C-alpha atoms as a PDB file:
ATOM      1  CA  UNK A   1      -9.332 -20.722   4.366  1.00  0.00           C
ATOM      2  CA  UNK A   2      -9.775 -16.700   3.393  1.00  0.00           C
ATOM      3  CA  UNK A   3     -12.135 -16.366   7.050  1.00  0.00           C
ATOM      4  CA  UNK A   4      -9.580 -17.995   8.819  1.00  0.00           C
ATOM      5  CA  UNK A   5      -7.054 -15.806   7.414  1.00  0.00           C
ATOM      6  CA  UNK A   6      -9.370 -12.649   7.806  1.00  0.00           C
ATOM      7  CA  UNK A   7     -10.074 -13.766  11.177  1.00  0.00           C
ATOM      8  CA  UNK A   8      -6.639 -14.094  11.868  1.00  0.00           C
ATOM      9  CA  UNK A   9      -6.100 -17.345  12.293  1.00  0.00           C
ATOM     10  CA  UNK A  10      -3.791 -19.884  10.663  1.00  0.00           C
ATOM     11  CA  UNK A  11      -4.973 -22.794   8.913  1.00  0.00           C
ATOM     12  CA  UNK A  12      -4.836 -25.553  10.627  1.00  0.00           C
ATOM     13  CA  UNK A  13      -3.526 -28.980   9.890  1.00  0.00           C
ATOM     14  CA  UNK A  14      -0.408 -31.037   9.647  1.00  0.00           C
ATOM     15  CA  UNK A  15       2.118 -29.726   6.675  1.00  0.00           C
ATOM     16  CA  UNK A  16       0.950 -26.289   6.235  1.00  0.00           C
ATOM     17  CA  UNK A  17       1.253 -25.329   2.505  1.00  0.00           C
ATOM     18  CA  UNK A  18       4.407 -23.156   3.180  1.00  0.00           C
ATOM     19  CA  UNK A  19       5.746 -26.424   4.838  1.00  0.00           C
ATOM     20  CA  UNK A  20       4.711 -28.461   1.540  1.00  0.00           C
ATOM     21  CA  UNK A  21       6.474 -26.384  -0.344  1.00  0.00           C
ATOM     22  CA  UNK A  22       9.524 -25.768   1.652  1.00  0.00           C
ATOM     23  CA  UNK A  23       9.684 -29.941   1.296  1.00  0.00           C
ATOM     24  CA  UNK A  24       9.223 -29.960  -2.043  1.00  0.00           C
ATOM     25  CA  UNK A  25       9.789 -26.751  -4.373  1.00  0.00           C
ATOM     26  CA  UNK A  26       9.748 -27.705  -7.953  1.00  0.00           C
ATOM     27  CA  UNK A  27       5.861 -27.901  -8.241  1.00  0.00           C
ATOM     28  CA  UNK A  28       5.785 -24.326  -6.899  1.00  0.00           C
ATOM     29  CA  UNK A  29       8.655 -23.505  -9.356  1.00  0.00           C
ATOM     30  CA  UNK A  30       7.140 -24.888 -12.372  1.00  0.00           C
ATOM     31  CA  UNK A  31       3.525 -23.276 -11.583  1.00  0.00           C
ATOM     32  CA  UNK A  32       5.555 -20.077 -11.239  1.00  0.00           C
ATOM     33  CA  UNK A  33       7.265 -20.701 -14.564  1.00  0.00           C
ATOM     34  CA  UNK A  34       3.956 -21.823 -16.597  1.00  0.00           C
ATOM     35  CA  UNK A  35       2.537 -18.114 -14.799  1.00  0.00           C
ATOM     36  CA  UNK A  36       5.332 -15.967 -16.355  1.00  0.00           C
ATOM     37  CA  UNK A  37       5.403 -17.711 -19.463  1.00  0.00           C
ATOM     38  CA  UNK A  38       1.619 -16.621 -20.232  1.00  0.00           C
ATOM     39  CA  UNK A  39       2.286 -13.642 -18.481  1.00  0.00           C
ATOM     40  CA  UNK A  40       5.508 -12.682 -21.174  1.00  0.00           C
ATOM     41  CA  UNK A  41       2.480 -13.714 -24.047  1.00  0.00           C
ATOM     42  CA  UNK A  42       0.223 -10.854 -22.414  1.00  0.00           C
ATOM     43  CA  UNK A  43      -2.524 -13.658 -20.599  1.00  0.00           C
ATOM     44  CA  UNK A  44      -2.797 -14.373 -17.425  1.00  0.00           C
ATOM     45  CA  UNK A  45      -2.764 -18.255 -16.427  1.00  0.00           C
ATOM     46  CA  UNK A  46      -2.355 -19.021 -13.114  1.00  0.00           C
ATOM     47  CA  UNK A  47      -4.306 -22.446 -13.442  1.00  0.00           C
ATOM     48  CA  UNK A  48      -1.219 -24.807 -12.294  1.00  0.00           C
ATOM     49  CA  UNK A  49      -0.494 -22.170  -9.287  1.00  0.00           C
ATOM     50  CA  UNK A  50      -3.993 -22.641  -8.339  1.00  0.00           C
ATOM     51  CA  UNK A  51      -4.246 -26.605  -8.749  1.00  0.00           C
ATOM     52  CA  UNK A  52      -1.331 -27.143  -6.860  1.00  0.00           C
ATOM     53  CA  UNK A  53      -2.353 -25.129  -3.925  1.00  0.00           C
ATOM     54  CA  UNK A  54      -5.587 -26.860  -4.223  1.00  0.00           C
ATOM     55  CA  UNK A  55      -4.094 -30.024  -3.566  1.00  0.00           C
ATOM     56  CA  UNK A  56      -1.930 -28.489  -0.648  1.00  0.00           C
ATOM     57  CA  UNK A  57      -4.784 -27.432   1.162  1.00  0.00           C
ATOM     58  CA  UNK A  58      -6.930 -30.205   0.824  1.00  0.00           C
ATOM     59  CA  UNK A  59      -3.647 -32.348   1.954  1.00  0.00           C
ATOM     60  CA  UNK A  60      -3.473 -29.989   4.805  1.00  0.00           C
ATOM     61  CA  UNK A  61      -7.269 -29.788   6.047  1.00  0.00           C
ATOM     62  CA  UNK A  62      -7.568 -33.965   5.182  1.00  0.00           C
ATOM     63  CA  UNK A  63      -4.670 -33.862   8.139  1.00  0.00           C
ATOM     64  CA  UNK A  64      -6.601 -31.873  10.477  1.00  0.00           C
ATOM     65  CA  UNK A  65     -10.261 -34.176   9.899  1.00  0.00           C
ATOM     66  CA  UNK A  66      -7.893 -37.393  10.253  1.00  0.00           C
ATOM     67  CA  UNK A  67      -6.839 -36.180  13.579  1.00  0.00           C
ATOM     68  CA  UNK A  68     -10.356 -34.761  14.795  1.00  0.00           C
ATOM     69  CA  UNK A  69     -12.066 -37.943  13.336  1.00  0.00           C
ATOM     70  CA  UNK A  70      -8.959 -39.963  15.150  1.00  0.00           C
ATOM     71  CA  UNK A  71      -7.962 -41.485  11.911  1.00  0.00           C
ATOM     72  CA  UNK A  72      -4.066 -42.036  11.243  1.00  0.00           C
ATOM     73  CA  UNK A  73      -2.500 -40.488   8.676  1.00  0.00           C
ATOM     74  CA  UNK A  74      -0.261 -42.923   5.676  1.00  0.00           C
ATOM     75  CA  UNK A  75       2.310 -40.609   7.171  1.00  0.00           C
ATOM     76  CA  UNK A  76       1.873 -41.399  10.862  1.00  0.00           C
ATOM     77  CA  UNK A  77       1.198 -45.141  10.276  1.00  0.00           C
ATOM     78  CA  UNK A  78       4.550 -45.744   8.739  1.00  0.00           C
ATOM     79  CA  UNK A  79       6.189 -44.127  11.533  1.00  0.00           C
ATOM     80  CA  UNK A  80       5.066 -46.879  13.664  1.00  0.00           C
ATOM     81  CA  UNK A  81       6.199 -49.252  11.563  1.00  0.00           C
END
């Protein structure tokens, strides 16, 4: 991901991280709140944000992998039924 950004590329995949956050803001707000609470105690804790972003990036990259290998995502299959 860092390499793509450094080279000026957008990480491929459906439902990018910003799109996922826009679709469901609550996990993002909760991760920010967790970090804020730790900061108020004089600590740095971004573990909730890290977990959230890790899951979102995995979802985004899995979609591009599935497209490259010809697999349909669960989302695509639901649309067909």
